[in-house]
Amino acid sequence: MVAGVMTQRVFAACAKIVATLHKIEDEWRAELGEEDFAQLKALLMRVWESPLVR
């Protein structure tokens, strides 16, 4: 693969990953409700961006 150029195979893999992520988020959102899911996602992003994961 040339740097900066996605092949059809890489693009398909990325699309599958994004679709799977959306499905998982939809399941959690249905379980927790919109407000609690938004709070969970915000807290997880806060941890991800913190020094704790470095």
PDB file of N, CA and C in Angstrom:
ATOM      1  N   MET A   1       0.844  -1.186   0.000  1.00  0.00           N
ATOM      2  CA  MET A   1       0.000   0.000   0.000  1.00  0.00           C
ATOM      3  C   MET A   1       0.884   1.242   0.000  1.00  0.00           C
ATOM      4  N   VAL A   2       0.585   2.156  -0.848  1.00  0.00           N
ATOM      5  CA  VAL A   2       1.297   3.422  -0.915  1.00  0.00           C
ATOM      6  C   VAL A   2       0.841   4.281   0.265  1.00  0.00           C
ATOM      7  N   ALA A   3       1.789   4.931   0.922  1.00  0.00           N
ATOM      8  CA  ALA A   3       1.452   5.768   2.076  1.00  0.00           C
ATOM      9  C   ALA A   3       0.378   6.778   1.709  1.00  0.00           C
ATOM     10  N   GLY A   4      -0.663   6.838   2.527  1.00  0.00           N
ATOM     11  CA  GLY A   4      -1.732   7.797   2.309  1.00  0.00           C
ATOM     12  C   GLY A   4      -2.805   7.350   1.333  1.00  0.00           C
ATOM     13  N   VAL A   5      -2.651   6.175   0.754  1.00  0.00           N
ATOM     14  CA  VAL A   5      -3.641   5.679  -0.192  1.00  0.00           C
ATOM     15  C   VAL A   5      -4.241   4.394   0.364  1.00  0.00           C
ATOM     16  N   MET A   6      -5.553   4.408   0.555  1.00  0.00           N
ATOM     17  CA  MET A   6      -6.219   3.209   1.057  1.00  0.00           C
ATOM     18  C   MET A   6      -6.615   2.313  -0.106  1.00  0.00           C
ATOM     19  N   THR A   7      -6.269   1.055   0.027  1.00  0.00           N
ATOM     20  CA  THR A   7      -6.714   0.099  -0.975  1.00  0.00           C
ATOM     21  C   THR A   7      -8.174  -0.231  -0.722  1.00  0.00           C
ATOM     22  N   GLN A   8      -8.801  -0.854  -1.677  1.00  0.00           N
ATOM     23  CA  GLN A   8     -10.202  -1.258  -1.537  1.00  0.00           C
ATOM     24  C   GLN A   8     -10.368  -2.180  -0.334  1.00  0.00           C
ATOM     25  N   ARG A   9      -9.401  -3.053  -0.124  1.00  0.00           N
ATOM     26  CA  ARG A   9      -9.462  -4.005   0.994  1.00  0.00           C
ATOM     27  C   ARG A   9      -9.368  -3.284   2.341  1.00  0.00           C
ATOM     28  N   VAL A  10      -8.465  -2.317   2.442  1.00  0.00           N
ATOM     29  CA  VAL A  10      -8.330  -1.546   3.683  1.00  0.00           C
ATOM     30  C   VAL A  10      -9.593  -0.729   3.919  1.00  0.00           C
ATOM     31  N   PHE A  11     -10.105  -0.112   2.888  1.00  0.00           N
ATOM     32  CA  PHE A  11     -11.333   0.674   3.012  1.00  0.00           C
ATOM     33  C   PHE A  11     -12.485  -0.205   3.499  1.00  0.00           C
ATOM     34  N   ALA A  12     -12.614  -1.401   2.954  1.00  0.00           N
ATOM     35  CA  ALA A  12     -13.678  -2.328   3.362  1.00  0.00           C
ATOM     36  C   ALA A  12     -13.510  -2.735   4.821  1.00  0.00           C
ATOM     37  N   ALA A  13     -12.273  -2.970   5.251  1.00  0.00           N
ATOM     38  CA  ALA A  13     -12.020  -3.339   6.642  1.00  0.00           C
ATOM     39  C   ALA A  13     -12.398  -2.196   7.577  1.00  0.00           C
ATOM     40  N   CYS A  14     -12.027  -0.966   7.225  1.00  0.00           N
ATOM     41  CA  CYS A  14     -12.370   0.202   8.031  1.00  0.00           C
ATOM     42  C   CYS A  14     -13.887   0.385   8.118  1.00  0.00           C
ATOM     43  N   ALA A  15     -14.567   0.205   7.009  1.00  0.00           N
ATOM     44  CA  ALA A  15     -16.026   0.327   6.986  1.00  0.00           C
ATOM     45  C   ALA A  15     -16.672  -0.714   7.900  1.00  0.00           C
ATOM     46  N   LYS A  16     -16.136  -1.932   7.906  1.00  0.00           N
ATOM     47  CA  LYS A  16     -16.663  -2.997   8.766  1.00  0.00           C
ATOM     48  C   LYS A  16     -16.445  -2.663  10.241  1.00  0.00           C
ATOM     49  N   ILE A  17     -15.271  -2.129  10.561  1.00  0.00           N
ATOM     50  CA  ILE A  17     -14.977  -1.736  11.939  1.00  0.00           C
ATOM     51  C   ILE A  17     -15.942  -0.654  12.410  1.00  0.00           C
ATOM     52  N   VAL A  18     -16.163   0.355  11.579  1.00  0.00           N
ATOM     53  CA  VAL A  18     -17.067   1.453  11.927  1.00  0.00           C
ATOM     54  C   VAL A  18     -18.501   0.925  12.097  1.00  0.00           C
ATOM     55  N   ALA A  19     -18.940   0.055  11.205  1.00  0.00           N
ATOM     56  CA  ALA A  19     -20.290  -0.513  11.300  1.00  0.00           C
ATOM     57  C   ALA A  19     -20.448  -1.318  12.590  1.00  0.00           C
ATOM     58  N   THR A  20     -19.423  -2.080  12.944  1.00  0.00           N
ATOM     59  CA  THR A  20     -19.467  -2.872  14.178  1.00  0.00           C
ATOM     60  C   THR A  20     -19.506  -1.962  15.399  1.00  0.00           C
ATOM     61  N   LEU A  21     -18.705  -0.914  15.392  1.00  0.00           N
ATOM     62  CA  LEU A  21     -18.711   0.043  16.496  1.00  0.00           C
ATOM     63  C   LEU A  21     -20.087   0.677  16.661  1.00  0.00           C
ATOM     64  N   HIS A  22     -20.708   1.069  15.558  1.00  0.00           N
ATOM     65  CA  HIS A  22     -22.044   1.669  15.626  1.00  0.00           C
ATOM     66  C   HIS A  22     -23.062   0.679  16.183  1.00  0.00           C
ATOM     67  N   LYS A  23     -22.955  -0.577  15.794  1.00  0.00           N
ATOM     68  CA  LYS A  23     -23.880  -1.599  16.302  1.00  0.00           C
ATOM     69  C   LYS A  23     -23.721  -1.768  17.814  1.00  0.00           C
ATOM     70  N   ILE A  24     -22.481  -1.827  18.279  1.00  0.00           N
ATOM     71  CA  ILE A  24     -22.227  -1.968  19.714  1.00  0.00           C
ATOM     72  C   ILE A  24     -22.748  -0.747  20.469  1.00  0.00           C
ATOM     73  N   GLU A  25     -22.481   0.442  19.939  1.00  0.00           N
ATOM     74  CA  GLU A  25     -22.973   1.662  20.581  1.00  0.00           C
ATOM     75  C   GLU A  25     -24.497   1.694  20.627  1.00  0.00           C
ATOM     76  N   ASP A  26     -25.149   1.252  19.564  1.00  0.00           N
ATOM     77  CA  ASP A  26     -26.614   1.209  19.538  1.00  0.00           C
ATOM     78  C   ASP A  26     -27.154   0.266  20.610  1.00  0.00           C
ATOM     79  N   GLU A  27     -26.487  -0.880  20.798  1.00  0.00           N
ATOM     80  CA  GLU A  27     -26.918  -1.849  21.818  1.00  0.00           C
ATOM     81  C   GLU A  27     -26.766  -1.261  23.223  1.00  0.00           C
ATOM     82  N   TRP A  28     -25.632  -0.620  23.482  1.00  0.00           N
ATOM     83  CA  TRP A  28     -25.409  -0.017  24.791  1.00  0.00           C
ATOM     84  C   TRP A  28     -26.367   1.150  25.022  1.00  0.00           C
ATOM     85  N   ARG A  29     -26.607   1.941  23.985  1.00  0.00           N
ATOM     86  CA  ARG A  29     -27.536   3.074  24.091  1.00  0.00           C
ATOM     87  C   ARG A  29     -28.942   2.574  24.427  1.00  0.00           C
ATOM     88  N   ALA A  30     -29.358   1.487  23.805  1.00  0.00           N
ATOM     89  CA  ALA A  30     -30.676   0.913  24.079  1.00  0.00           C
ATOM     90  C   ALA A  30     -30.755   0.394  25.516  1.00  0.00           C
ATOM     91  N   GLU A  31     -29.666  -0.150  26.010  1.00  0.00           N
ATOM     92  CA  GLU A  31     -29.644  -0.689  27.372  1.00  0.00           C
ATOM     93  C   GLU A  31     -29.610   0.413  28.429  1.00  0.00           C
ATOM     94  N   LEU A  32     -28.788   1.441  28.200  1.00  0.00           N
ATOM     95  CA  LEU A  32     -28.572   2.479  29.213  1.00  0.00           C
ATOM     96  C   LEU A  32     -29.480   3.688  29.069  1.00  0.00           C
ATOM     97  N   GLY A  33     -29.981   3.915  27.881  1.00  0.00           N
ATOM     98  CA  GLY A  33     -30.711   5.148  27.608  1.00  0.00           C
ATOM     99  C   GLY A  33     -29.735   6.190  27.085  1.00  0.00           C
ATOM    100  N   GLU A  34     -30.255   7.156  26.350  1.00  0.00           N
ATOM    101  CA  GLU A  34     -29.420   8.150  25.668  1.00  0.00           C
ATOM    102  C   GLU A  34     -28.546   8.943  26.633  1.00  0.00           C
ATOM    103  N   GLU A  35     -29.124   9.424  27.721  1.00  0.00           N
ATOM    104  CA  GLU A  35     -28.377  10.273  28.650  1.00  0.00           C
ATOM    105  C   GLU A  35     -27.241   9.513  29.337  1.00  0.00           C
ATOM    106  N   ASP A  36     -27.543   8.335  29.869  1.00  0.00           N
ATOM    107  CA  ASP A  36     -26.509   7.555  30.546  1.00  0.00           C
ATOM    108  C   ASP A  36     -25.432   7.085  29.567  1.00  0.00           C
ATOM    109  N   PHE A  37     -25.835   6.728  28.352  1.00  0.00           N
ATOM    110  CA  PHE A  37     -24.845   6.309  27.364  1.00  0.00           C
ATOM    111  C   PHE A  37     -23.916   7.466  27.012  1.00  0.00           C
ATOM    112  N   ALA A  38     -24.471   8.648  26.841  1.00  0.00           N
ATOM    113  CA  ALA A  38     -23.653   9.830  26.526  1.00  0.00           C
ATOM    114  C   ALA A  38     -22.665  10.103  27.655  1.00  0.00           C
ATOM    115  N   GLN A  39     -23.118   9.952  28.896  1.00  0.00           N
ATOM    116  CA  GLN A  39     -22.234  10.157  30.044  1.00  0.00           C
ATOM    117  C   GLN A  39     -21.132   9.091  30.068  1.00  0.00           C
ATOM    118  N   LEU A  40     -21.490   7.837  29.824  1.00  0.00           N
ATOM    119  CA  LEU A  40     -20.508   6.759  29.777  1.00  0.00           C
ATOM    120  C   LEU A  40     -19.450   7.040  28.711  1.00  0.00           C
ATOM    121  N   LYS A  41     -19.904   7.409  27.533  1.00  0.00           N
ATOM    122  CA  LYS A  41     -18.975   7.665  26.429  1.00  0.00           C
ATOM    123  C   LYS A  41     -18.051   8.844  26.754  1.00  0.00           C
ATOM    124  N   ALA A  42     -18.597   9.891  27.370  1.00  0.00           N
ATOM    125  CA  ALA A  42     -17.785  11.048  27.749  1.00  0.00           C
ATOM    126  C   ALA A  42     -16.740  10.658  28.793  1.00  0.00           C
ATOM    127  N   LEU A  43     -17.120   9.847  29.761  1.00  0.00           N
ATOM    128  CA  LEU A  43     -16.173   9.416  30.784  1.00  0.00           C
ATOM    129  C   LEU A  43     -15.086   8.517  30.201  1.00  0.00           C
ATOM    130  N   LEU A  44     -15.464   7.635  29.301  1.00  0.00           N
ATOM    131  CA  LEU A  44     -14.473   6.765  28.669  1.00  0.00           C
ATOM    132  C   LEU A  44     -13.488   7.576  27.824  1.00  0.00           C
ATOM    133  N   MET A  45     -13.979   8.599  27.139  1.00  0.00           N
ATOM    134  CA  MET A  45     -13.090   9.450  26.350  1.00  0.00           C
ATOM    135  C   MET A  45     -12.141  10.227  27.272  1.00  0.00           C
ATOM    136  N   ARG A  46     -12.655  10.639  28.418  1.00  0.00           N
ATOM    137  CA  ARG A  46     -11.823  11.348  29.391  1.00  0.00           C
ATOM    138  C   ARG A  46     -10.691  10.453  29.894  1.00  0.00           C
ATOM    139  N   VAL A  47     -10.998   9.199  30.162  1.00  0.00           N
ATOM    140  CA  VAL A  47      -9.962   8.254  30.585  1.00  0.00           C
ATOM    141  C   VAL A  47      -8.975   8.019  29.435  1.00  0.00           C
ATOM    142  N   TRP A  48      -9.487   7.832  28.225  1.00  0.00           N
ATOM    143  CA  TRP A  48      -8.635   7.578  27.053  1.00  0.00           C
ATOM    144  C   TRP A  48      -7.635   8.705  26.842  1.00  0.00           C
ATOM    145  N   GLU A  49      -8.074   9.942  27.075  1.00  0.00           N
ATOM    146  CA  GLU A  49      -7.223  11.106  26.842  1.00  0.00           C
ATOM    147  C   GLU A  49      -6.331  11.439  28.043  1.00  0.00           C
ATOM    148  N   SER A  50      -6.478  10.719  29.122  1.00  0.00           N
ATOM    149  CA  SER A  50      -5.705  10.994  30.331  1.00  0.00           C
ATOM    150  C   SER A  50      -4.361  10.276  30.307  1.00  0.00           C
ATOM    151  N   PRO A  51      -3.478  10.647  31.227  1.00  0.00           N
ATOM    152  CA  PRO A  51      -2.184   9.958  31.327  1.00  0.00           C
ATOM    153  C   PRO A  51      -2.320   8.504  31.781  1.00  0.00           C
ATOM    154  N   LEU A  52      -3.483   8.101  32.224  1.00  0.00           N
ATOM    155  CA  LEU A  52      -3.683   6.738  32.719  1.00  0.00           C
ATOM    156  C   LEU A  52      -3.464   5.680  31.642  1.00  0.00           C
ATOM    157  N   VAL A  53      -3.683   6.023  30.397  1.00  0.00           N
ATOM    158  CA  VAL A  53      -3.561   5.040  29.323  1.00  0.00           C
ATOM    159  C   VAL A  53      -2.229   5.149  28.581  1.00  0.00           C
ATOM    160  N   ARG A  54      -1.352   5.945  29.067  1.00  0.00           N
ATOM    161  CA  ARG A  54      -0.050   6.118  28.400  1.00  0.00           C
ATOM    162  C   ARG A  54       1.012   5.281  29.034  1.00  0.00           C
TER     163      ARG A  54
END
